[in-house]
């Protein structure tokens, strides 16, 4: 499955999600810190960074500037994956399969269904049966040449 189609399907299964630049920024910060620190430290650092550099009152300049930033992040990401000698498309397919296997926290899901999206990050169901979760196998995405 093309990963763009996979992500489109993933979003359709989570219709309460809406574009939110602050949540996007928070997610990017978390992902940048994940390989370096424990989950608890990542949460602390992310909160500090977001509160300091991305206050809720911050006005964004324009959609064009935001889109340029988002697309640049994609370019850097794709280039890094390929420079690590992995097939980006295959890695994305593995990632989409992994995130698609996750279920949403039922409390958050009920809240979003009842009250609407509240601008928070989508949360995993920590009680999901582990046998229903797919773990990405990036090893099969490595270039062999």
N, C-alpha and C. Protein backbone atom coordinates (compact mmCIF):
# COMPACT_ATOMS: atom_id res chain seq x y z
N UNK A 1 0.85 -1.19 0.00
CA UNK A 1 0.00 0.00 0.00
C UNK A 1 0.89 1.25 0.00
N UNK A 2 0.56 2.21 -0.83
CA UNK A 2 1.26 3.48 -0.84
C UNK A 2 1.07 4.14 0.53
N UNK A 3 2.17 4.64 1.14
CA UNK A 3 2.05 5.18 2.50
C UNK A 3 1.17 6.42 2.57
N UNK A 4 1.10 7.22 1.50
CA UNK A 4 0.19 8.38 1.52
C UNK A 4 -1.27 7.91 1.62
N UNK A 5 -1.60 6.85 0.88
CA UNK A 5 -2.95 6.28 0.94
C UNK A 5 -3.18 5.71 2.33
N UNK A 6 -2.16 5.04 2.86
CA UNK A 6 -2.27 4.48 4.21
C UNK A 6 -2.53 5.54 5.26
N UNK A 7 -1.84 6.66 5.16
CA UNK A 7 -2.05 7.76 6.12
C UNK A 7 -3.42 8.40 5.93
N UNK A 8 -3.86 8.49 4.68
CA UNK A 8 -5.20 9.03 4.42
C UNK A 8 -6.25 8.15 5.11
N UNK A 9 -6.11 6.84 4.95
CA UNK A 9 -7.03 5.90 5.60
C UNK A 9 -6.94 6.04 7.12
N UNK A 10 -5.71 6.15 7.64
CA UNK A 10 -5.48 6.30 9.08
C UNK A 10 -6.22 7.53 9.61
N UNK A 11 -6.12 8.65 8.90
CA UNK A 11 -6.82 9.88 9.33
C UNK A 11 -8.33 9.71 9.27
N UNK A 12 -8.84 9.01 8.26
CA UNK A 12 -10.29 8.78 8.16
C UNK A 12 -10.80 7.97 9.35
N UNK A 13 -9.95 7.10 9.88
CA UNK A 13 -10.34 6.31 11.04
C UNK A 13 -10.29 7.14 12.33
N UNK A 14 -9.70 8.31 12.26
CA UNK A 14 -9.57 9.21 13.41
C UNK A 14 -10.13 10.59 13.03
N UNK A 15 -11.43 10.66 12.71
CA UNK A 15 -12.01 11.87 12.14
C UNK A 15 -12.00 13.08 13.06
N UNK A 16 -11.78 12.88 14.34
CA UNK A 16 -11.77 14.02 15.26
C UNK A 16 -10.51 14.86 15.11
N UNK A 17 -9.46 14.29 14.49
CA UNK A 17 -8.20 15.02 14.36
C UNK A 17 -8.37 16.21 13.41
N UNK A 18 -7.79 17.32 13.77
CA UNK A 18 -7.81 18.53 12.96
C UNK A 18 -6.40 19.11 12.90
N UNK A 19 -6.13 19.90 11.89
CA UNK A 19 -4.83 20.57 11.80
C UNK A 19 -4.64 21.45 13.03
N UNK A 20 -3.49 21.33 13.64
CA UNK A 20 -3.18 22.12 14.82
C UNK A 20 -1.67 22.29 14.86
N UNK A 21 -1.19 23.48 14.52
CA UNK A 21 0.24 23.71 14.40
C UNK A 21 0.98 23.50 15.72
N UNK A 22 0.35 23.82 16.83
CA UNK A 22 0.99 23.65 18.14
C UNK A 22 1.17 22.16 18.45
N UNK A 23 0.17 21.35 18.15
CA UNK A 23 0.29 19.91 18.35
C UNK A 23 1.35 19.35 17.40
N UNK A 24 1.36 19.82 16.16
CA UNK A 24 2.38 19.39 15.20
C UNK A 24 3.78 19.70 15.73
N UNK A 25 3.99 20.93 16.17
CA UNK A 25 5.28 21.35 16.71
C UNK A 25 5.66 20.46 17.89
N UNK A 26 4.70 20.20 18.78
CA UNK A 26 4.95 19.35 19.95
C UNK A 26 5.36 17.95 19.51
N UNK A 27 4.65 17.39 18.54
CA UNK A 27 4.97 16.05 18.04
C UNK A 27 6.38 15.99 17.45
N UNK A 28 6.75 17.00 16.69
CA UNK A 28 8.08 17.03 16.08
C UNK A 28 9.16 17.09 17.16
N UNK A 29 8.96 17.94 18.16
CA UNK A 29 9.93 18.04 19.26
C UNK A 29 10.07 16.68 19.95
N UNK A 30 8.94 16.05 20.26
CA UNK A 30 8.98 14.73 20.90
C UNK A 30 9.78 13.73 20.07
N UNK A 31 9.52 13.70 18.78
CA UNK A 31 10.20 12.73 17.91
C UNK A 31 11.70 13.01 17.82
N UNK A 32 12.07 14.29 17.83
CA UNK A 32 13.50 14.63 17.79
C UNK A 32 14.22 14.21 19.07
N UNK A 33 13.53 14.24 20.19
CA UNK A 33 14.14 13.91 21.47
C UNK A 33 14.10 12.41 21.80
N UNK A 34 13.17 11.67 21.20
CA UNK A 34 12.98 10.25 21.52
C UNK A 34 14.23 9.39 21.46
N UNK A 35 15.08 9.54 20.43
CA UNK A 35 16.25 8.65 20.39
C UNK A 35 17.31 9.01 21.43
N UNK A 36 17.14 10.13 22.09
CA UNK A 36 18.19 10.62 22.99
C UNK A 36 17.89 10.44 24.48
N UNK A 37 16.60 10.43 24.83
CA UNK A 37 16.22 10.46 26.24
C UNK A 37 15.12 9.46 26.55
N UNK A 38 14.89 9.24 27.84
CA UNK A 38 13.79 8.38 28.27
C UNK A 38 12.46 9.07 27.97
N UNK A 39 11.38 8.27 27.95
CA UNK A 39 10.05 8.83 27.67
C UNK A 39 9.69 9.94 28.66
N UNK A 40 9.99 9.74 29.93
CA UNK A 40 9.65 10.76 30.94
C UNK A 40 10.44 12.04 30.71
N UNK A 41 11.72 11.92 30.39
CA UNK A 41 12.55 13.10 30.13
C UNK A 41 12.06 13.82 28.88
N UNK A 42 11.68 13.05 27.85
CA UNK A 42 11.15 13.64 26.62
C UNK A 42 9.91 14.48 26.93
N UNK A 43 9.00 13.95 27.75
CA UNK A 43 7.79 14.69 28.11
C UNK A 43 8.14 16.01 28.81
N UNK A 44 9.08 15.96 29.73
CA UNK A 44 9.48 17.16 30.48
C UNK A 44 10.11 18.19 29.55
N UNK A 45 11.10 17.76 28.76
CA UNK A 45 11.78 18.67 27.85
C UNK A 45 10.82 19.26 26.82
N UNK A 46 9.95 18.42 26.27
CA UNK A 46 9.00 18.89 25.26
C UNK A 46 8.09 19.97 25.84
N UNK A 47 7.57 19.73 27.02
CA UNK A 47 6.70 20.71 27.68
C UNK A 47 7.43 22.04 27.87
N UNK A 48 8.68 21.98 28.34
CA UNK A 48 9.47 23.20 28.55
C UNK A 48 9.69 23.95 27.23
N UNK A 49 10.06 23.22 26.19
CA UNK A 49 10.34 23.84 24.89
C UNK A 49 9.09 24.47 24.31
N UNK A 50 7.97 23.73 24.33
CA UNK A 50 6.73 24.23 23.74
C UNK A 50 6.24 25.46 24.50
N UNK A 51 6.26 25.40 25.82
CA UNK A 51 5.80 26.56 26.60
C UNK A 51 6.67 27.78 26.35
N UNK A 52 7.97 27.56 26.18
CA UNK A 52 8.88 28.69 25.98
C UNK A 52 8.84 29.26 24.56
N UNK A 53 8.85 28.37 23.56
CA UNK A 53 9.02 28.83 22.19
C UNK A 53 7.75 28.80 21.34
N UNK A 54 6.69 28.19 21.84
CA UNK A 54 5.47 28.10 21.05
C UNK A 54 4.25 28.35 21.93
N UNK A 55 4.16 29.56 22.47
CA UNK A 55 3.02 29.86 23.34
C UNK A 55 1.70 29.79 22.57
N UNK A 56 0.63 29.47 23.28
CA UNK A 56 -0.68 29.35 22.64
C UNK A 56 -1.12 30.64 21.97
N UNK A 57 -0.61 31.76 22.42
CA UNK A 57 -1.01 33.06 21.88
C UNK A 57 -0.23 33.44 20.63
N UNK A 58 0.74 32.64 20.24
CA UNK A 58 1.57 32.95 19.09
C UNK A 58 0.75 32.96 17.81
N UNK A 59 0.89 34.00 17.03
CA UNK A 59 0.19 34.12 15.74
C UNK A 59 1.12 33.61 14.63
N UNK A 60 0.64 32.69 13.82
CA UNK A 60 1.43 32.19 12.70
C UNK A 60 1.35 33.18 11.55
N UNK A 61 2.43 33.30 10.80
CA UNK A 61 2.50 34.31 9.75
C UNK A 61 1.54 34.00 8.59
N UNK A 62 1.61 32.78 8.06
CA UNK A 62 0.73 32.40 6.96
C UNK A 62 0.80 30.90 6.74
N UNK A 63 -0.20 30.38 6.03
CA UNK A 63 -0.18 28.96 5.69
C UNK A 63 1.05 28.63 4.84
N UNK A 64 1.45 29.55 3.95
CA UNK A 64 2.61 29.30 3.09
C UNK A 64 3.88 29.08 3.90
N UNK A 65 4.08 29.87 4.92
CA UNK A 65 5.27 29.74 5.76
C UNK A 65 5.21 28.42 6.54
N UNK A 66 4.04 28.08 7.05
CA UNK A 66 3.86 26.82 7.78
C UNK A 66 4.10 25.64 6.85
N UNK A 67 3.51 25.68 5.65
CA UNK A 67 3.68 24.58 4.70
C UNK A 67 5.14 24.44 4.27
N UNK A 68 5.83 25.55 4.07
CA UNK A 68 7.25 25.50 3.72
C UNK A 68 8.03 24.79 4.81
N UNK A 69 7.75 25.10 6.05
CA UNK A 69 8.42 24.47 7.18
C UNK A 69 8.14 22.97 7.22
N UNK A 70 6.87 22.59 7.10
CA UNK A 70 6.48 21.18 7.14
C UNK A 70 7.13 20.41 6.00
N UNK A 71 7.12 20.99 4.80
CA UNK A 71 7.72 20.31 3.65
C UNK A 71 9.23 20.20 3.78
N UNK A 72 9.87 21.22 4.34
CA UNK A 72 11.31 21.14 4.58
C UNK A 72 11.64 20.02 5.56
N UNK A 73 10.82 19.86 6.59
CA UNK A 73 11.02 18.76 7.55
C UNK A 73 10.93 17.42 6.82
N UNK A 74 9.97 17.30 5.89
CA UNK A 74 9.86 16.06 5.11
C UNK A 74 11.11 15.83 4.27
N UNK A 75 11.62 16.87 3.63
CA UNK A 75 12.82 16.74 2.80
C UNK A 75 14.00 16.27 3.64
N UNK A 76 14.22 16.90 4.78
CA UNK A 76 15.33 16.49 5.66
C UNK A 76 15.14 15.05 6.13
N UNK A 77 13.91 14.69 6.44
CA UNK A 77 13.62 13.34 6.94
C UNK A 77 13.87 12.28 5.86
N UNK A 78 13.34 12.51 4.67
CA UNK A 78 13.52 11.56 3.58
C UNK A 78 15.00 11.43 3.24
N UNK A 79 15.69 12.55 3.15
CA UNK A 79 17.12 12.50 2.84
C UNK A 79 17.89 11.71 3.89
N UNK A 80 17.58 11.91 5.17
CA UNK A 80 18.31 11.21 6.23
C UNK A 80 18.06 9.71 6.17
N UNK A 81 16.81 9.31 5.94
CA UNK A 81 16.50 7.88 5.82
C UNK A 81 17.30 7.27 4.67
N UNK A 82 17.30 7.95 3.51
CA UNK A 82 18.01 7.43 2.35
C UNK A 82 19.53 7.43 2.58
N UNK A 83 20.06 8.45 3.24
CA UNK A 83 21.50 8.49 3.54
C UNK A 83 21.90 7.39 4.52
N UNK A 84 20.95 6.94 5.33
CA UNK A 84 21.21 5.81 6.23
C UNK A 84 21.12 4.49 5.47
N UNK A 85 20.84 4.57 4.17
CA UNK A 85 20.76 3.42 3.26
C UNK A 85 19.52 2.57 3.48
N UNK A 86 18.40 3.26 3.74
CA UNK A 86 17.09 2.61 3.86
C UNK A 86 16.17 3.17 2.78
N UNK A 87 15.27 2.34 2.29
CA UNK A 87 14.27 2.75 1.32
C UNK A 87 13.17 3.50 2.08
N UNK A 88 13.05 4.79 1.83
CA UNK A 88 12.09 5.62 2.56
C UNK A 88 10.66 5.13 2.38
N UNK A 89 10.28 4.76 1.16
CA UNK A 89 8.91 4.30 0.92
C UNK A 89 8.59 3.04 1.73
N UNK A 90 9.53 2.10 1.76
CA UNK A 90 9.32 0.87 2.53
C UNK A 90 9.26 1.19 4.03
N UNK A 91 10.13 2.09 4.50
CA UNK A 91 10.12 2.48 5.91
C UNK A 91 8.78 3.12 6.28
N UNK A 92 8.27 3.96 5.40
CA UNK A 92 6.99 4.60 5.67
C UNK A 92 5.85 3.59 5.69
N UNK A 93 5.90 2.61 4.80
CA UNK A 93 4.88 1.56 4.81
C UNK A 93 4.90 0.81 6.14
N UNK A 94 6.09 0.51 6.65
CA UNK A 94 6.22 -0.15 7.94
C UNK A 94 5.67 0.74 9.06
N UNK A 95 5.99 2.02 9.00
CA UNK A 95 5.52 2.96 10.02
C UNK A 95 4.00 3.07 10.02
N UNK A 96 3.43 3.21 8.83
CA UNK A 96 1.98 3.33 8.72
C UNK A 96 1.30 2.06 9.23
N UNK A 97 1.88 0.90 8.91
CA UNK A 97 1.29 -0.35 9.41
C UNK A 97 1.34 -0.38 10.94
N UNK A 98 2.47 0.08 11.51
CA UNK A 98 2.59 0.09 12.97
C UNK A 98 1.57 1.04 13.61
N UNK A 99 1.50 2.28 13.14
CA UNK A 99 0.58 3.23 13.78
C UNK A 99 -0.87 2.85 13.53
N UNK A 100 -1.14 2.18 12.40
CA UNK A 100 -2.51 1.76 12.11
C UNK A 100 -2.98 0.63 13.01
N UNK A 101 -2.05 -0.08 13.59
CA UNK A 101 -2.43 -1.19 14.47
C UNK A 101 -2.79 -0.70 15.87
N UNK A 102 -2.50 0.56 16.17
CA UNK A 102 -2.78 1.10 17.50
C UNK A 102 -4.23 1.55 17.63
N UNK A 103 -4.77 1.37 18.81
CA UNK A 103 -6.11 1.88 19.13
C UNK A 103 -5.96 3.10 20.01
N UNK A 104 -6.94 3.99 19.90
CA UNK A 104 -6.93 5.22 20.69
C UNK A 104 -7.35 4.94 22.13
N UNK A 105 -6.79 5.71 23.04
CA UNK A 105 -7.21 5.65 24.44
C UNK A 105 -8.73 5.81 24.48
N UNK A 106 -9.47 4.85 25.06
CA UNK A 106 -10.93 4.93 25.03
C UNK A 106 -11.50 6.16 25.74
N UNK A 107 -10.82 6.62 26.77
CA UNK A 107 -11.28 7.83 27.48
C UNK A 107 -11.17 9.04 26.56
N UNK A 108 -10.03 9.18 25.89
CA UNK A 108 -9.84 10.30 24.97
C UNK A 108 -10.81 10.18 23.79
N UNK A 109 -10.98 8.97 23.28
CA UNK A 109 -11.89 8.75 22.15
C UNK A 109 -13.30 9.18 22.50
N UNK A 110 -13.78 8.80 23.67
CA UNK A 110 -15.13 9.18 24.12
C UNK A 110 -15.24 10.70 24.27
N UNK A 111 -14.19 11.30 24.85
CA UNK A 111 -14.18 12.75 25.05
C UNK A 111 -14.24 13.48 23.70
N UNK A 112 -13.44 13.02 22.74
CA UNK A 112 -13.43 13.65 21.42
C UNK A 112 -14.78 13.45 20.72
N UNK A 113 -15.35 12.26 20.88
CA UNK A 113 -16.64 11.97 20.24
C UNK A 113 -17.74 12.85 20.83
N UNK A 114 -17.71 13.02 22.14
CA UNK A 114 -18.75 13.78 22.82
C UNK A 114 -18.55 15.29 22.71
N UNK A 115 -17.33 15.74 22.96
CA UNK A 115 -17.06 17.18 23.05
C UNK A 115 -16.36 17.75 21.82
N UNK A 116 -15.86 16.89 20.96
CA UNK A 116 -15.09 17.34 19.80
C UNK A 116 -13.61 17.36 20.11
N UNK A 117 -12.83 17.50 19.05
CA UNK A 117 -11.37 17.52 19.17
C UNK A 117 -10.95 18.68 20.05
N UNK A 118 -10.05 18.40 21.01
CA UNK A 118 -9.65 19.44 21.97
C UNK A 118 -8.23 19.96 21.76
N UNK A 119 -7.61 19.61 20.64
CA UNK A 119 -6.28 20.13 20.33
C UNK A 119 -5.15 19.35 20.99
N UNK A 120 -5.47 18.21 21.60
CA UNK A 120 -4.42 17.42 22.23
C UNK A 120 -3.91 16.34 21.28
N UNK A 121 -2.75 15.80 21.60
CA UNK A 121 -2.14 14.74 20.81
C UNK A 121 -2.97 13.46 20.96
N UNK A 122 -3.12 12.72 19.88
CA UNK A 122 -3.81 11.44 19.89
C UNK A 122 -3.06 10.51 20.83
N UNK A 123 -3.77 9.87 21.74
CA UNK A 123 -3.14 9.00 22.73
C UNK A 123 -3.45 7.54 22.47
N UNK A 124 -2.44 6.69 22.64
CA UNK A 124 -2.60 5.24 22.47
C UNK A 124 -3.38 4.67 23.65
N UNK A 125 -4.05 3.56 23.38
CA UNK A 125 -4.71 2.78 24.43
C UNK A 125 -3.63 1.93 25.10
N UNK A 126 -3.25 2.29 26.32
CA UNK A 126 -2.18 1.57 27.02
C UNK A 126 -2.61 0.15 27.41
N UNK A 127 -3.90 -0.14 27.36
CA UNK A 127 -4.41 -1.47 27.71
C UNK A 127 -4.71 -2.34 26.49
N UNK A 128 -4.30 -1.87 25.30
CA UNK A 128 -4.54 -2.65 24.09
C UNK A 128 -3.79 -3.97 24.18
N UNK A 129 -4.42 -5.04 23.73
CA UNK A 129 -3.80 -6.35 23.71
C UNK A 129 -2.52 -6.27 22.86
N UNK A 130 -1.36 -6.55 23.46
CA UNK A 130 -0.09 -6.43 22.72
C UNK A 130 0.00 -7.31 21.48
N UNK A 131 -0.76 -8.40 21.44
CA UNK A 131 -0.71 -9.27 20.26
C UNK A 131 -1.39 -8.64 19.05
N UNK A 132 -2.14 -7.55 19.26
CA UNK A 132 -2.80 -6.87 18.14
C UNK A 132 -1.94 -5.73 17.59
N UNK A 133 -0.78 -5.49 18.20
CA UNK A 133 0.09 -4.40 17.77
C UNK A 133 1.14 -4.91 16.79
N UNK A 134 1.34 -4.15 15.73
CA UNK A 134 2.38 -4.47 14.75
C UNK A 134 3.61 -3.66 15.09
N UNK A 135 4.78 -4.27 15.03
CA UNK A 135 6.03 -3.53 15.25
C UNK A 135 6.77 -3.43 13.92
N UNK A 136 7.07 -2.21 13.53
CA UNK A 136 7.74 -1.98 12.25
C UNK A 136 9.05 -2.76 12.19
N UNK A 137 9.28 -3.39 11.04
CA UNK A 137 10.51 -4.14 10.80
C UNK A 137 11.32 -3.36 9.76
N UNK A 138 12.11 -2.41 10.25
CA UNK A 138 12.88 -1.57 9.34
C UNK A 138 14.04 -2.33 8.71
N UNK A 139 14.41 -3.46 9.31
CA UNK A 139 15.51 -4.26 8.75
C UNK A 139 15.24 -4.69 7.32
N UNK A 140 13.98 -4.95 7.00
CA UNK A 140 13.66 -5.38 5.63
C UNK A 140 13.61 -4.19 4.67
N UNK A 141 13.86 -2.99 5.16
CA UNK A 141 13.85 -1.78 4.31
C UNK A 141 15.25 -1.33 3.93
N UNK A 142 16.25 -1.99 4.45
CA UNK A 142 17.65 -1.62 4.20
C UNK A 142 18.03 -1.94 2.75
N UNK A 143 18.71 -1.00 2.13
CA UNK A 143 19.22 -1.28 0.78
C UNK A 143 20.29 -2.35 0.86
N UNK A 144 20.27 -3.28 -0.06
CA UNK A 144 21.25 -4.37 -0.05
C UNK A 144 22.42 -4.10 -0.97
N UNK A 145 22.34 -3.06 -1.74
CA UNK A 145 23.42 -2.75 -2.71
C UNK A 145 24.46 -1.89 -2.03
